[in-house]
Amino acid sequence: MDLIGLVNSIIEAVINIDTGRKGFAIIGKEREGRISYEKGITDALSIFKEAQITTDPQALILTEYTYLSQEFHLCNENDKDTLNSLTQAIKSFDDAFLSLQVVEKTASYKEAEKTYPNRSIYRIGGFPKDAFHIACLSHKTRLQNILRVPGIDIIEKALLKQRLANLSTAQSGYTKKQKKALAD
């Protein structure tokens, strides 16, 4: 999968979703808004499914990170709660990218792993619950909370569920990288 193409496609999809949502609120623009919204959701869902097929943790979190970054840039500056939530999610994924870099350096990861307690609350499947896992787990909670909000369009729920599935796939792929790094 071409990561630059993936990023560009997600940016375009989120812009269409946002344009559609804003179109809903304009009298006489509801139909165009709905078309843009549905196109954005459909495109984003397709991109997230394509990323999931790769099982590549980097592609999976890059897709989510790009989606979140676009939402942040398109968010109304007066919506402080959403901006704060998006800021925290983006920062978590910044840390996840750093963990991904370290796990790919076997010697560095073996040393870093020694700094994690062995108690099960600090482990996932026996491996360190590092920034990558923490970002995925906290973002899963965020997405699950959004899914509980009444009135969300069924097509948007499908996208949210796909994003949730991608986070689980990312964690699974990352755990394989952890296993490889610690086995060498």
C-alpha atoms as a PDB file:
ATOM      1  CA  MET A   1       0.000   0.000   0.000  1.00  0.00           C
ATOM      2  CA  ASP A   2       1.259   3.427  -0.972  1.00  0.00           C
ATOM      3  CA  LEU A   3       1.296   5.385   2.304  1.00  0.00           C
ATOM      4  CA  ILE A   4       1.278   8.794   0.597  1.00  0.00           C
ATOM      5  CA  GLY A   5      -1.740   7.771  -1.463  1.00  0.00           C
ATOM      6  CA  LEU A   6      -3.413   6.473   1.684  1.00  0.00           C
ATOM      7  CA  VAL A   7      -2.877   9.779   3.484  1.00  0.00           C
ATOM      8  CA  ASN A   8      -4.139  11.826   0.536  1.00  0.00           C
ATOM      9  CA  SER A   9      -7.217   9.622   0.165  1.00  0.00           C
ATOM     10  CA  ILE A  10      -8.122   9.901   3.853  1.00  0.00           C
ATOM     11  CA  ILE A  11      -7.690  13.682   3.768  1.00  0.00           C
ATOM     12  CA  GLU A  12     -10.066  13.921   0.817  1.00  0.00           C
ATOM     13  CA  ALA A  13     -12.601  11.601   2.462  1.00  0.00           C
ATOM     14  CA  VAL A  14     -12.637  13.604   5.710  1.00  0.00           C
ATOM     15  CA  ILE A  15     -13.030  16.856   3.783  1.00  0.00           C
ATOM     16  CA  ASN A  16     -16.057  15.361   1.995  1.00  0.00           C
ATOM     17  CA  ILE A  17     -17.542  14.211   5.308  1.00  0.00           C
ATOM     18  CA  ASP A  18     -17.054  17.659   6.826  1.00  0.00           C
ATOM     19  CA  THR A  19     -18.419  19.450   3.747  1.00  0.00           C
ATOM     20  CA  GLY A  20     -21.439  17.170   3.859  1.00  0.00           C
ATOM     21  CA  ARG A  21     -22.105  17.794   7.537  1.00  0.00           C
ATOM     22  CA  LYS A  22     -21.916  21.529   6.982  1.00  0.00           C
ATOM     23  CA  GLY A  23     -24.183  21.217   3.942  1.00  0.00           C
ATOM     24  CA  PHE A  24     -26.890  19.602   6.075  1.00  0.00           C
ATOM     25  CA  ALA A  25     -27.251  22.867   7.970  1.00  0.00           C
ATOM     26  CA  ILE A  26     -27.782  25.063   4.897  1.00  0.00           C
ATOM     27  CA  ILE A  27     -31.308  25.332   3.548  1.00  0.00           C
ATOM     28  CA  GLY A  28     -31.307  24.202  -0.063  1.00  0.00           C
ATOM     29  CA  LYS A  29     -27.931  22.454   0.257  1.00  0.00           C
ATOM     30  CA  GLU A  30     -29.115  19.385   2.184  1.00  0.00           C
ATOM     31  CA  ARG A  31     -29.037  17.084  -0.879  1.00  0.00           C
ATOM     32  CA  GLU A  32     -25.531  18.136  -1.907  1.00  0.00           C
ATOM     33  CA  GLY A  33     -24.465  17.820   1.709  1.00  0.00           C
ATOM     34  CA  ARG A  34     -25.845  14.302   1.934  1.00  0.00           C
ATOM     35  CA  ILE A  35     -24.079  13.293  -1.288  1.00  0.00           C
ATOM     36  CA  SER A  36     -20.735  14.687  -0.080  1.00  0.00           C
ATOM     37  CA  TYR A  37     -21.172  13.120   3.371  1.00  0.00           C
ATOM     38  CA  GLU A  38     -22.010   9.674   1.984  1.00  0.00           C
ATOM     39  CA  LYS A  39     -19.150   9.823  -0.530  1.00  0.00           C
ATOM     40  CA  GLY A  40     -16.709  10.748   2.238  1.00  0.00           C
ATOM     41  CA  ILE A  41     -17.945   7.987   4.550  1.00  0.00           C
ATOM     42  CA  THR A  42     -17.906   5.397   1.745  1.00  0.00           C
ATOM     43  CA  ASP A  43     -14.401   6.390   0.633  1.00  0.00           C
ATOM     44  CA  ALA A  44     -13.074   6.443   4.216  1.00  0.00           C
ATOM     45  CA  LEU A  45     -14.611   3.043   4.947  1.00  0.00           C
ATOM     46  CA  SER A  46     -12.977   1.616   1.833  1.00  0.00           C
ATOM     47  CA  ILE A  47      -9.588   3.081   2.789  1.00  0.00           C
ATOM     48  CA  PHE A  48      -9.799   1.757   6.360  1.00  0.00           C
ATOM     49  CA  LYS A  49     -10.716  -1.709   5.048  1.00  0.00           C
ATOM     50  CA  GLU A  50      -7.781  -1.588   2.622  1.00  0.00           C
ATOM     51  CA  ALA A  51      -5.444  -0.611   5.451  1.00  0.00           C
ATOM     52  CA  GLN A  52      -6.765  -3.442   7.630  1.00  0.00           C
ATOM     53  CA  ILE A  53      -5.994  -6.006   4.938  1.00  0.00           C
ATOM     54  CA  THR A  54      -2.309  -5.050   5.110  1.00  0.00           C
ATOM     55  CA  THR A  55      -2.179  -5.797   8.870  1.00  0.00           C
ATOM     56  CA  ASP A  56       0.735  -3.328   8.901  1.00  0.00           C
ATOM     57  CA  PRO A  57       0.639  -1.421  12.213  1.00  0.00           C
ATOM     58  CA  GLN A  58       2.224   1.634  10.609  1.00  0.00           C
ATOM     59  CA  ALA A  59      -0.356   1.834   7.810  1.00  0.00           C
ATOM     60  CA  LEU A  60      -3.181   1.257  10.262  1.00  0.00           C
ATOM     61  CA  ILE A  61      -2.224   3.949  12.745  1.00  0.00           C
ATOM     62  CA  LEU A  62      -1.183   6.331   9.973  1.00  0.00           C
ATOM     63  CA  THR A  63      -4.685   6.040   8.561  1.00  0.00           C
ATOM     64  CA  GLU A  64      -6.265   6.762  11.938  1.00  0.00           C
ATOM     65  CA  TYR A  65      -3.778   9.528  12.712  1.00  0.00           C
ATOM     66  CA  THR A  66      -4.479  11.243   9.396  1.00  0.00           C
ATOM     67  CA  TYR A  67      -8.230  10.964   9.936  1.00  0.00           C
ATOM     68  CA  LEU A  68      -7.911  12.509  13.401  1.00  0.00           C
ATOM     69  CA  SER A  69      -5.588  15.266  12.188  1.00  0.00           C
ATOM     70  CA  GLN A  70      -8.047  16.252   9.474  1.00  0.00           C
ATOM     71  CA  GLU A  71     -10.931  16.250  11.944  1.00  0.00           C
ATOM     72  CA  PHE A  72      -8.842  18.502  14.176  1.00  0.00           C
ATOM     73  CA  HIS A  73      -8.092  20.962  11.365  1.00  0.00           C
ATOM     74  CA  LEU A  74     -11.731  21.087  10.283  1.00  0.00           C
ATOM     75  CA  CYS A  75     -13.150  21.341  13.805  1.00  0.00           C
ATOM     76  CA  ASN A  76     -14.825  24.565  14.862  1.00  0.00           C
ATOM     77  CA  GLU A  77     -12.399  26.498  17.056  1.00  0.00           C
ATOM     78  CA  ASN A  78     -15.185  27.062  19.613  1.00  0.00           C
ATOM     79  CA  ASP A  79     -15.709  23.317  20.114  1.00  0.00           C
ATOM     80  CA  LYS A  80     -13.168  23.036  22.938  1.00  0.00           C
ATOM     81  CA  ASP A  81     -14.276  19.574  24.120  1.00  0.00           C
ATOM     82  CA  THR A  82     -13.790  18.021  20.686  1.00  0.00           C
ATOM     83  CA  LEU A  83     -10.518  19.871  20.114  1.00  0.00           C
ATOM     84  CA  ASN A  84      -9.169  18.654  23.475  1.00  0.00           C
ATOM     85  CA  SER A  85     -10.219  15.072  22.735  1.00  0.00           C
ATOM     86  CA  LEU A  86      -8.639  15.147  19.280  1.00  0.00           C
ATOM     87  CA  THR A  87      -5.467  16.748  20.643  1.00  0.00           C
ATOM     88  CA  GLN A  88      -5.078  13.966  23.225  1.00  0.00           C
ATOM     89  CA  ALA A  89      -5.694  11.262  20.613  1.00  0.00           C
ATOM     90  CA  ILE A  90      -3.168  12.797  18.213  1.00  0.00           C
ATOM     91  CA  LYS A  91      -0.550  13.049  20.979  1.00  0.00           C
ATOM     92  CA  SER A  92      -1.134   9.394  21.885  1.00  0.00           C
ATOM     93  CA  PHE A  93      -0.541   8.357  18.299  1.00  0.00           C
ATOM     94  CA  ASP A  94       2.607  10.515  18.147  1.00  0.00           C
ATOM     95  CA  ASP A  95       3.903   8.365  21.010  1.00  0.00           C
ATOM     96  CA  ALA A  96       2.709   5.199  19.239  1.00  0.00           C
ATOM     97  CA  PHE A  97       4.800   6.073  16.185  1.00  0.00           C
ATOM     98  CA  LEU A  98       7.848   6.382  18.449  1.00  0.00           C
ATOM     99  CA  SER A  99       7.151   2.950  19.966  1.00  0.00           C
ATOM    100  CA  LEU A 100       6.837   1.507  16.479  1.00  0.00           C
ATOM    101  CA  GLN A 101      10.270   2.875  15.570  1.00  0.00           C
ATOM    102  CA  VAL A 102      11.840   1.402  18.703  1.00  0.00           C
ATOM    103  CA  VAL A 103      10.248  -2.055  18.359  1.00  0.00           C
ATOM    104  CA  GLU A 104      11.803  -2.344  14.913  1.00  0.00           C
ATOM    105  CA  LYS A 105      15.252  -1.885  16.484  1.00  0.00           C
ATOM    106  CA  THR A 106      15.574  -5.228  18.238  1.00  0.00           C
ATOM    107  CA  ALA A 107      18.437  -4.370  20.588  1.00  0.00           C
ATOM    108  CA  SER A 108      16.848  -1.101  21.681  1.00  0.00           C
ATOM    109  CA  TYR A 109      13.495  -2.763  22.282  1.00  0.00           C
ATOM    110  CA  LYS A 110      15.027  -5.571  24.344  1.00  0.00           C
ATOM    111  CA  GLU A 111      16.536  -2.945  26.633  1.00  0.00           C
ATOM    112  CA  ALA A 112      13.363  -0.845  26.753  1.00  0.00           C
ATOM    113  CA  GLU A 113      11.270  -3.933  27.574  1.00  0.00           C
ATOM    114  CA  LYS A 114      13.216  -4.351  30.797  1.00  0.00           C
ATOM    115  CA  THR A 115      11.769  -1.065  32.057  1.00  0.00           C
ATOM    116  CA  TYR A 116       8.181  -2.388  32.031  1.00  0.00           C
ATOM    117  CA  PRO A 117       6.876  -4.129  35.136  1.00  0.00           C
ATOM    118  CA  ASN A 118       5.989  -7.789  34.726  1.00  0.00           C
ATOM    119  CA  ARG A 119       2.567  -7.444  36.400  1.00  0.00           C
ATOM    120  CA  SER A 120      -0.243  -8.324  34.013  1.00  0.00           C
ATOM    121  CA  ILE A 121      -1.781  -4.847  34.112  1.00  0.00           C
ATOM    122  CA  TYR A 122       1.340  -3.578  32.353  1.00  0.00           C
ATOM    123  CA  ARG A 123       1.361  -6.376  29.776  1.00  0.00           C
ATOM    124  CA  ILE A 124      -0.719  -7.469  26.808  1.00  0.00           C
ATOM    125  CA  GLY A 125      -0.279 -11.114  25.942  1.00  0.00           C
ATOM    126  CA  GLY A 126       2.941 -11.061  27.957  1.00  0.00           C
ATOM    127  CA  PHE A 127       4.385  -8.128  26.045  1.00  0.00           C
ATOM    128  CA  PRO A 128       4.859  -4.567  27.345  1.00  0.00           C
ATOM    129  CA  LYS A 129       1.807  -2.337  27.240  1.00  0.00           C
ATOM    130  CA  ASP A 130       3.791   0.514  25.750  1.00  0.00           C
ATOM    131  CA  ALA A 131       2.688   3.756  24.068  1.00  0.00           C
ATOM    132  CA  PHE A 132       1.474   1.901  20.975  1.00  0.00           C
ATOM    133  CA  HIS A 133      -0.944  -0.276  22.956  1.00  0.00           C
ATOM    134  CA  ILE A 134      -1.993   2.599  25.199  1.00  0.00           C
ATOM    135  CA  ALA A 135      -2.826   4.782  22.173  1.00  0.00           C
ATOM    136  CA  CYS A 136      -4.885   2.006  20.602  1.00  0.00           C
ATOM    137  CA  LEU A 137      -6.696   1.132  23.829  1.00  0.00           C
ATOM    138  CA  SER A 138      -7.572   4.710  24.730  1.00  0.00           C
ATOM    139  CA  HIS A 139      -8.688   5.486  21.192  1.00  0.00           C
ATOM    140  CA  LYS A 140     -10.851   2.344  21.127  1.00  0.00           C
ATOM    141  CA  THR A 141     -12.605   3.695  24.215  1.00  0.00           C
ATOM    142  CA  ARG A 142     -13.091   7.048  22.497  1.00  0.00           C
ATOM    143  CA  LEU A 143     -14.608   5.403  19.410  1.00  0.00           C
ATOM    144  CA  GLN A 144     -16.837   3.146  21.531  1.00  0.00           C
ATOM    145  CA  ASN A 145     -18.143   6.213  23.356  1.00  0.00           C
ATOM    146  CA  ILE A 146     -18.925   7.916  20.045  1.00  0.00           C
ATOM    147  CA  LEU A 147     -20.777   4.781  18.889  1.00  0.00           C
ATOM    148  CA  ARG A 148     -23.068   5.071  21.933  1.00  0.00           C
ATOM    149  CA  VAL A 149     -24.239   8.568  20.991  1.00  0.00           C
ATOM    150  CA  PRO A 150     -27.835   8.422  19.802  1.00  0.00           C
ATOM    151  CA  GLY A 151     -28.636   9.685  16.328  1.00  0.00           C
ATOM    152  CA  ILE A 152     -25.410   8.749  14.577  1.00  0.00           C
ATOM    153  CA  ASP A 153     -26.083   7.801  10.979  1.00  0.00           C
ATOM    154  CA  ILE A 154     -25.848   4.051  10.327  1.00  0.00           C
ATOM    155  CA  ILE A 155     -23.192   4.540   7.633  1.00  0.00           C
ATOM    156  CA  GLU A 156     -21.067   6.536  10.049  1.00  0.00           C
ATOM    157  CA  LYS A 157     -21.468   3.772  12.640  1.00  0.00           C
ATOM    158  CA  ALA A 158     -20.089   1.321  10.063  1.00  0.00           C
ATOM    159  CA  LEU A 159     -17.040   3.569   9.651  1.00  0.00           C
ATOM    160  CA  LEU A 160     -16.556   3.826  13.423  1.00  0.00           C
ATOM    161  CA  LYS A 161     -16.768   0.037  13.769  1.00  0.00           C
ATOM    162  CA  GLN A 162     -14.199  -0.402  10.996  1.00  0.00           C
ATOM    163  CA  ARG A 163     -11.873   2.045  12.708  1.00  0.00           C
ATOM    164  CA  LEU A 164     -12.271   0.042  15.934  1.00  0.00           C
ATOM    165  CA  ALA A 165     -11.450  -3.173  14.097  1.00  0.00           C
ATOM    166  CA  ASN A 166      -8.381  -1.537  12.570  1.00  0.00           C
ATOM    167  CA  LEU A 167      -7.050  -0.643  16.005  1.00  0.00           C
ATOM    168  CA  SER A 168      -7.328  -4.282  17.097  1.00  0.00           C
ATOM    169  CA  THR A 169      -5.569  -5.375  13.907  1.00  0.00           C
ATOM    170  CA  ALA A 170      -2.855  -2.769  14.498  1.00  0.00           C
ATOM    171  CA  GLN A 171      -2.302  -4.074  18.031  1.00  0.00           C
ATOM    172  CA  SER A 172      -2.122  -7.641  16.787  1.00  0.00           C
ATOM    173  CA  GLY A 173       0.462  -6.701  14.146  1.00  0.00           C
ATOM    174  CA  TYR A 174       2.401  -4.691  16.683  1.00  0.00           C
ATOM    175  CA  THR A 175       2.415  -7.605  19.133  1.00  0.00           C
ATOM    176  CA  LYS A 176       3.987  -9.729  16.396  1.00  0.00           C
ATOM    177  CA  LYS A 177       6.719  -7.090  16.045  1.00  0.00           C
ATOM    178  CA  GLN A 178       7.210  -7.129  19.828  1.00  0.00           C
ATOM    179  CA  LYS A 179       7.478 -10.922  19.793  1.00  0.00           C
ATOM    180  CA  LYS A 180      10.030 -10.826  16.994  1.00  0.00           C
ATOM    181  CA  ALA A 181      12.081  -8.113  18.683  1.00  0.00           C
ATOM    182  CA  LEU A 182      12.192  -9.958  21.983  1.00  0.00           C
ATOM    183  CA  ALA A 183      12.872 -13.353  20.424  1.00  0.00           C
ATOM    184  CA  ASP A 184      16.013 -12.252  18.532  1.00  0.00           C
END
